[in-house]
Amino acid sequence: QGGSFQANPPFVEESMQLMSETIDAVLSYTHEHDPPLATSFVIIVPAWTDERSHEMMKESRFCKRQIVLEKSQHSYKSGAQHSSLQQYHDAGFKTSVFFLQNRKGAEKWPVTDMRVRMIQKAFTEWK
């Protein structure tokens, strides 16, 4: 039925490759569906540019945009925030944010400069 989704997989190359392949298959299916279904993914992964998963997302026919967050310019909320005194941690590496969408998804949820700035701000609010 399509939809707009966010993905932040485990930072393990094999998992990120499988996620990339799965998202590409979902976007292909929803693009070719009759009628096409609006589908969009925002994917947050380390900017490991020498890894195959990063290349797969960057070169996907569905990649509408990619931004890179410098390691000194953003932070993450701890997965253990319920039991940790420190809820936010500075990122120890650059992060890539990919916007993968089929045509209908790009029409319904366009990746505008304003939306990109909002995402960038969300990663830096706690710095």
Foldseek 3Di string as FASTA:
>chain_A
DADEEEEEDPQDLVGLQVVLVVVLVVQVCQVPDVVRHWHKYKYKYFPPVVGPSNVSLVPRPQWPDKDKAAQQQFWDADPVCVPDPDGIDRGPGIMMITMGIHPNNCVVDPPDPVVVVVVSCVRRVVD
